[in-house]
Amino acid sequence: MQDAFPESPQDVVARRAASFGSNAAERPDYPLAAVRWVLDRLTRRPARVLDLAAGTGKLTGVLRAAGIPAEAITAVEPDPAMLAELRRAHPGVTALEGTAERIPLPDGAVDAVLVGQAMHWFDMDRAYPEMHRVLASGGVLGGFWNLDDDAVPWVAEMKRIARSTVTATRWRPKTLPDHPLFPHLERTEFPHVQRRTAESMAATIGTHSHVLIMDEPARRDLLERVVAHLRATPETADGDFDLPLITLAVRAVAA
């Protein structure tokens, strides 16, 4: 029987935004070159960096690899399970519960606010002023999104198989909308890869928000079809393979 009150697109978006939990541990990290490109706009060294909507610490790990000391990094994340995982992985990093719309830091506390794979979930009308508030003068805002390189045929077919009835619910493009607090937006792309197997690739797809909110039989069927495709594809059939990614990076200096 059909629901008397079917979900609105806004309801679906809200469920997707709240769906991740510790599943985010399966997600890819970000290219070191992309993080360095964003931080290159900073004049203060060493930089104090906020990893906002930090999840389990994927971006935090890249910041450490970029030479940012743990004591100069603050991670803010609303989900307690992901925050606990981040604290285990990066014990020297200050990790706080909070959101982009309510950052638990004083004015001018950081030199850079970086966001990995999450800015499209923010209420930007509230998040922009809040991110600007915690940035010091001349501070930088940066965002990163990992996108499957669907110019590769087997990747395009995998993405087709992995679609669901809620995949088409689009709420924002994966870039920063213009705002007077962050003028002169710059955008570029970086090649990236992640080593995968058919099973780990399906596990990653299982962390995508549109899959997490599916009912269990539908989710299991979708992921089984993904594994079957990868096992039948020459490029991915023999155990480990490289998943080609394109990392979109954006940056803007605070006005």
Protein backbone atom coordinates (compact mmCIF):
# COMPACT_ATOMS: atom_id res chain seq x y z
CA MET A 1 0.00 0.00 0.00
CA GLN A 2 1.32 3.44 -0.88
CA ASP A 3 2.13 5.79 2.01
CA ALA A 4 -0.62 8.28 2.77
CA PHE A 5 2.05 10.94 3.14
CA PRO A 6 4.84 10.21 0.64
CA GLU A 7 8.24 11.76 1.27
CA SER A 8 8.95 15.13 -0.22
CA PRO A 9 12.29 15.78 -1.94
CA GLN A 10 13.30 17.75 1.16
CA ASP A 11 12.53 14.73 3.36
CA VAL A 12 14.68 12.49 1.16
CA VAL A 13 17.57 14.95 1.32
CA ALA A 14 17.29 15.10 5.11
CA ARG A 15 17.36 11.32 5.39
CA ARG A 16 20.35 11.11 3.06
CA ALA A 17 22.25 13.75 5.03
CA ALA A 18 21.71 11.81 8.27
CA SER A 19 22.43 8.37 6.84
CA PHE A 20 26.21 8.01 6.97
CA GLY A 21 27.31 7.11 10.50
CA SER A 22 30.44 4.96 10.67
CA ASN A 23 29.81 3.76 7.08
CA ALA A 24 31.88 6.75 5.95
CA ALA A 25 35.04 4.81 6.87
CA GLU A 26 34.71 3.04 3.49
CA ARG A 27 34.96 6.27 1.51
CA PRO A 28 38.06 7.41 -0.44
CA ASP A 29 40.50 10.02 0.74
CA TYR A 30 41.64 13.09 -1.24
CA PRO A 31 44.72 13.84 -3.37
CA LEU A 32 47.55 15.48 -1.48
CA ALA A 33 48.02 17.84 -4.43
CA ALA A 34 44.42 19.08 -4.10
CA VAL A 35 44.82 19.88 -0.40
CA ARG A 36 48.12 21.65 -1.04
CA TRP A 37 46.50 23.67 -3.83
CA VAL A 38 43.87 25.03 -1.42
CA LEU A 39 46.39 25.73 1.36
CA ASP A 40 48.71 27.45 -1.12
CA ARG A 41 46.55 30.59 -0.83
CA LEU A 42 47.44 30.99 2.84
CA THR A 43 50.00 33.51 4.02
CA ARG A 44 50.19 32.36 7.65
CA ARG A 45 52.46 29.40 8.38
CA PRO A 46 51.99 27.09 10.11
CA ALA A 47 48.29 27.22 9.34
CA ARG A 48 45.51 26.47 11.79
CA VAL A 49 43.05 24.30 9.87
CA LEU A 50 39.44 23.33 10.52
CA ASP A 51 38.28 20.06 8.96
CA LEU A 52 34.54 20.76 8.92
CA ALA A 53 32.05 17.88 8.67
CA ALA A 54 35.14 15.75 9.16
CA GLY A 55 33.45 12.36 9.22
CA THR A 56 35.87 9.61 10.23
CA GLY A 57 38.92 11.71 9.38
CA LYS A 58 39.72 11.00 5.73
CA LEU A 59 40.62 14.64 5.05
CA THR A 60 42.29 14.97 8.44
CA GLY A 61 44.71 12.23 7.41
CA VAL A 62 45.60 14.07 4.21
CA LEU A 63 46.16 17.28 6.16
CA ARG A 64 48.64 15.41 8.35
CA ALA A 65 50.36 14.07 5.23
CA ALA A 66 50.55 17.64 3.92
CA GLY A 67 52.63 18.58 6.95
CA ILE A 68 49.97 20.19 9.15
CA PRO A 69 50.77 19.21 12.75
CA ALA A 70 48.01 17.46 14.67
CA GLU A 71 47.84 20.26 17.24
CA ALA A 72 47.06 22.77 14.44
CA ILE A 73 44.03 20.80 13.23
CA THR A 74 40.51 20.99 14.61
CA ALA A 75 37.92 18.51 13.36
CA VAL A 76 34.20 19.28 13.74
CA GLU A 77 31.59 16.59 13.04
CA PRO A 78 27.94 16.19 14.15
CA ASP A 79 27.78 12.37 14.15
CA PRO A 80 29.06 10.80 17.42
CA ALA A 81 29.99 7.47 15.80
CA MET A 82 32.11 9.11 13.11
CA LEU A 83 33.66 11.46 15.66
CA ALA A 84 34.66 8.49 17.82
CA GLU A 85 36.34 6.84 14.82
CA LEU A 86 38.19 10.06 14.00
CA ARG A 87 39.47 10.34 17.58
CA ARG A 88 40.78 6.78 17.41
CA ALA A 89 42.53 7.40 14.10
CA HIS A 90 43.93 10.86 14.95
CA PRO A 91 44.39 11.09 18.73
CA GLY A 92 46.38 14.33 18.59
CA VAL A 93 43.70 16.28 16.72
CA THR A 94 41.13 18.38 18.59
CA ALA A 95 37.77 16.79 17.69
CA LEU A 96 34.54 18.59 18.54
CA GLU A 97 30.87 17.91 17.99
CA GLY A 98 29.24 20.60 15.87
CA THR A 99 27.87 21.58 12.48
CA ALA A 100 28.68 23.97 9.66
CA GLU A 101 25.80 26.13 10.76
CA ARG A 102 27.02 26.18 14.38
CA ILE A 103 30.79 25.81 14.63
CA PRO A 104 32.05 25.46 18.23
CA LEU A 105 35.02 27.82 17.78
CA PRO A 106 35.62 31.50 18.59
CA ASP A 107 35.92 34.24 15.98
CA GLY A 108 39.10 34.13 13.90
CA ALA A 109 40.21 30.79 15.36
CA VAL A 110 41.52 29.20 12.14
CA ASP A 111 43.30 30.14 8.94
CA ALA A 112 41.55 27.61 6.70
CA VAL A 113 38.20 25.84 6.67
CA LEU A 114 38.31 22.69 4.58
CA VAL A 115 35.34 20.47 3.76
CA GLY A 116 35.56 17.02 2.18
CA GLN A 117 32.55 15.60 0.33
CA ALA A 118 30.02 17.40 2.53
CA MET A 119 29.44 21.03 1.58
CA HIS A 120 26.46 20.14 -0.61
CA TRP A 121 24.63 19.11 2.58
CA PHE A 122 25.11 22.49 4.30
CA ASP A 123 22.50 25.20 4.68
CA MET A 124 24.80 27.66 2.92
CA ASP A 125 22.77 30.73 3.93
CA ARG A 126 23.79 29.94 7.52
CA ALA A 127 27.07 28.12 6.91
CA TYR A 128 28.77 30.85 4.87
CA PRO A 129 28.61 33.51 7.64
CA GLU A 130 29.59 30.94 10.27
CA MET A 131 32.62 29.71 8.31
CA HIS A 132 33.60 33.32 7.65
CA ARG A 133 33.27 34.10 11.37
CA VAL A 134 35.80 31.45 12.47
CA LEU A 135 38.33 32.39 9.79
CA ALA A 136 41.15 34.81 10.54
CA SER A 137 41.78 37.72 8.16
CA GLY A 138 42.90 36.39 4.80
CA GLY A 139 41.63 32.90 5.63
CA VAL A 140 40.76 30.35 2.97
CA LEU A 141 37.68 28.19 2.41
CA GLY A 142 38.22 24.98 0.47
CA GLY A 143 35.96 22.13 -0.64
CA PHE A 144 36.63 18.72 -2.18
CA TRP A 145 34.42 16.21 -3.96
CA ASN A 146 35.53 12.81 -5.28
CA LEU A 147 33.72 11.91 -8.49
CA ASP A 148 33.93 8.61 -10.33
CA ASP A 149 35.58 9.12 -13.71
CA ASP A 150 32.67 7.98 -15.86
CA ALA A 151 34.59 8.75 -19.06
CA VAL A 152 35.91 5.22 -18.44
CA PRO A 153 33.30 2.81 -19.88
CA TRP A 154 33.29 0.22 -17.07
CA VAL A 155 32.93 3.03 -14.50
CA ALA A 156 30.00 4.53 -16.42
CA GLU A 157 28.26 1.15 -16.49
CA MET A 158 28.90 0.62 -12.78
CA LYS A 159 27.34 4.02 -12.04
CA ARG A 160 24.32 3.13 -14.17
CA ILE A 161 23.83 -0.12 -12.26
CA ALA A 162 24.26 1.64 -8.92
CA ARG A 163 21.48 4.15 -9.51
CA SER A 164 18.36 3.93 -7.37
CA THR A 165 14.98 5.64 -7.35
CA VAL A 166 16.39 8.40 -5.13
CA THR A 167 19.66 8.91 -7.00
CA ALA A 168 18.11 11.64 -9.13
CA THR A 169 17.17 13.74 -6.10
CA ARG A 170 19.62 16.60 -6.65
CA TRP A 171 19.69 19.51 -4.26
CA ARG A 172 22.87 21.43 -5.08
CA PRO A 173 25.65 21.26 -7.61
CA LYS A 174 28.96 20.02 -6.22
CA THR A 175 30.65 23.38 -6.04
CA LEU A 176 30.45 26.54 -3.99
CA PRO A 177 27.64 28.97 -4.81
CA ASP A 178 28.75 32.59 -5.11
CA HIS A 179 28.70 34.68 -1.95
CA PRO A 180 30.06 38.17 -1.16
CA LEU A 181 31.90 36.82 1.91
CA PHE A 182 33.93 34.50 -0.36
CA PRO A 183 34.40 36.21 -3.74
CA HIS A 184 36.69 35.09 -6.56
CA LEU A 185 35.97 31.39 -6.34
CA GLU A 186 38.56 29.18 -8.02
CA ARG A 187 37.83 25.66 -9.24
CA THR A 188 40.07 22.90 -10.58
CA GLU A 189 40.28 19.12 -10.85
CA PHE A 190 42.85 16.51 -9.83
CA PRO A 191 43.18 12.90 -10.96
CA HIS A 192 42.94 10.39 -8.14
CA VAL A 193 42.69 6.62 -7.77
CA GLN A 194 41.69 4.22 -5.07
CA ARG A 195 42.71 0.58 -4.91
CA ARG A 196 39.62 -1.61 -4.83
CA THR A 197 38.20 -5.11 -5.18
CA ALA A 198 34.69 -5.91 -6.39
CA GLU A 199 33.59 -6.39 -2.78
CA SER A 200 35.21 -3.25 -1.41
CA MET A 201 33.85 -1.22 -4.33
CA ALA A 202 30.35 -2.47 -3.51
CA ALA A 203 30.99 -1.59 0.15
CA THR A 204 31.88 1.96 -0.87
CA ILE A 205 28.75 2.27 -3.02
CA GLY A 206 26.87 0.98 0.01
CA THR A 207 28.00 4.13 1.88
CA HIS A 208 26.41 6.46 -0.69
CA SER A 209 23.47 8.23 0.88
CA HIS A 210 20.93 7.12 -1.72
CA VAL A 211 21.87 3.48 -1.03
CA LEU A 212 21.97 3.80 2.77
CA ILE A 213 18.31 4.88 2.88
CA MET A 214 17.07 2.03 0.65
CA ASP A 215 15.27 -0.91 2.27
CA GLU A 216 17.52 -3.91 2.88
CA PRO A 217 16.33 -6.22 0.03
CA ALA A 218 16.67 -3.44 -2.55
CA ARG A 219 20.10 -2.42 -1.23
CA ARG A 220 21.34 -6.02 -1.27
CA ASP A 221 20.08 -6.53 -4.83
CA LEU A 222 21.75 -3.33 -6.06
CA LEU A 223 25.11 -4.21 -4.50
CA GLU A 224 24.99 -7.77 -5.83
CA ARG A 225 24.48 -6.40 -9.34
CA VAL A 226 27.50 -4.10 -8.85
CA VAL A 227 29.70 -7.05 -7.79
CA ALA A 228 28.48 -9.16 -10.71
CA HIS A 229 29.34 -6.38 -13.16
CA LEU A 230 32.84 -5.94 -11.73
CA ARG A 231 33.56 -9.67 -11.73
CA ALA A 232 32.50 -9.88 -15.38
CA THR A 233 34.57 -6.86 -16.53
CA PRO A 234 38.15 -7.58 -17.72
CA GLU A 235 39.62 -4.48 -16.06
CA THR A 236 38.19 -5.40 -12.64
CA ALA A 237 37.73 -9.17 -12.67
CA ASP A 238 41.14 -10.27 -11.34
CA GLY A 239 41.15 -9.17 -7.72
CA ASP A 240 42.52 -5.67 -7.02
CA PHE A 241 42.01 -2.81 -9.46
CA ASP A 242 42.35 0.98 -9.52
CA LEU A 243 39.12 2.96 -9.40
CA PRO A 244 39.75 6.16 -11.42
CA LEU A 245 38.47 9.27 -9.68
CA ILE A 246 38.37 12.98 -10.42
CA THR A 247 38.64 15.20 -7.35
CA LEU A 248 36.94 18.56 -7.79
CA ALA A 249 38.57 21.21 -5.60
CA VAL A 250 37.32 24.73 -4.99
CA ARG A 251 38.85 27.54 -2.95
CA ALA A 252 38.11 31.13 -2.04
CA VAL A 253 39.83 33.69 0.18
CA ALA A 254 37.54 35.29 2.73
CA ALA A 255 36.67 38.92 2.03
